[in-house]
Amino acid sequence: MAHVISDECIACGVCIPECAVDAISEGDIYVIDPTLCTDCGACVDVCPTEAISPE
């Protein structure tokens, strides 16, 4: 099960370096590629708006 990023995302970039498999893509709202996500949760721990959750 991959994680997803909600509309609460403020595109701050804090989650990107936390992803060991480069599954997070930048944009107005960031997106997690479910085929790459290993469900480690490292991005969840650093998100200041709690915009990342399990799918």
Protein backbone atom coordinates (compact mmCIF):
# COMPACT_ATOMS: atom_id res chain seq x y z
CA MET A 1 0.00 0.00 0.00
CA ALA A 2 1.47 3.34 -1.05
CA HIS A 3 1.11 6.68 0.66
CA VAL A 4 -0.78 9.57 -0.92
CA ILE A 5 -0.53 13.35 -0.64
CA SER A 6 -3.73 15.33 -0.09
CA ASP A 7 -4.73 18.85 -1.11
CA GLU A 8 -3.32 20.03 2.23
CA CYS A 9 0.15 19.87 0.60
CA ILE A 10 1.88 23.26 0.53
CA ALA A 11 4.72 22.03 -1.74
CA CYS A 12 7.36 22.89 0.85
CA GLY A 13 9.74 20.15 -0.30
CA VAL A 14 10.54 18.73 3.14
CA CYS A 15 9.37 15.24 2.16
CA ILE A 16 11.48 14.85 -0.98
CA PRO A 17 14.88 14.20 0.63
CA GLU A 18 13.24 11.78 3.08
CA CYS A 19 12.12 9.43 0.28
CA ALA A 20 14.81 6.79 -0.21
CA VAL A 21 13.28 5.57 -3.48
CA ASP A 22 12.56 8.97 -5.11
CA ALA A 23 8.82 8.27 -5.32
CA ILE A 24 7.75 11.88 -4.69
CA SER A 25 7.33 14.25 -7.65
CA GLU A 26 7.24 18.04 -7.34
CA GLY A 27 4.37 20.20 -8.53
CA ASP A 28 1.70 22.51 -7.16
CA ILE A 29 0.77 19.56 -4.98
CA TYR A 30 3.32 16.80 -4.72
CA VAL A 31 2.50 13.27 -5.87
CA ILE A 32 3.77 9.90 -4.67
CA ASP A 33 4.28 7.24 -7.35
CA PRO A 34 2.52 4.15 -5.93
CA THR A 35 4.71 1.81 -7.97
CA LEU A 36 7.85 3.15 -6.28
CA CYS A 37 6.57 3.84 -2.76
CA THR A 38 7.76 1.24 -0.23
CA ASP A 39 5.33 2.41 2.48
CA CYS A 40 8.17 3.31 4.85
CA GLY A 41 6.40 6.39 6.21
CA ALA A 42 9.49 8.62 6.40
CA CYS A 43 7.67 11.35 4.48
CA VAL A 44 4.71 11.24 6.87
CA ASP A 45 6.94 12.01 9.84
CA VAL A 46 8.30 15.25 8.35
CA CYS A 47 5.21 16.72 6.66
CA PRO A 48 4.31 19.98 8.46
CA THR A 49 0.69 19.95 7.27
CA GLU A 50 0.04 16.22 7.79
CA ALA A 51 -0.87 15.98 4.10
CA ILE A 52 0.61 12.50 3.65
CA SER A 53 -1.25 9.36 4.67
CA PRO A 54 -1.56 5.67 3.74
CA GLU A 55 -3.78 5.13 0.73
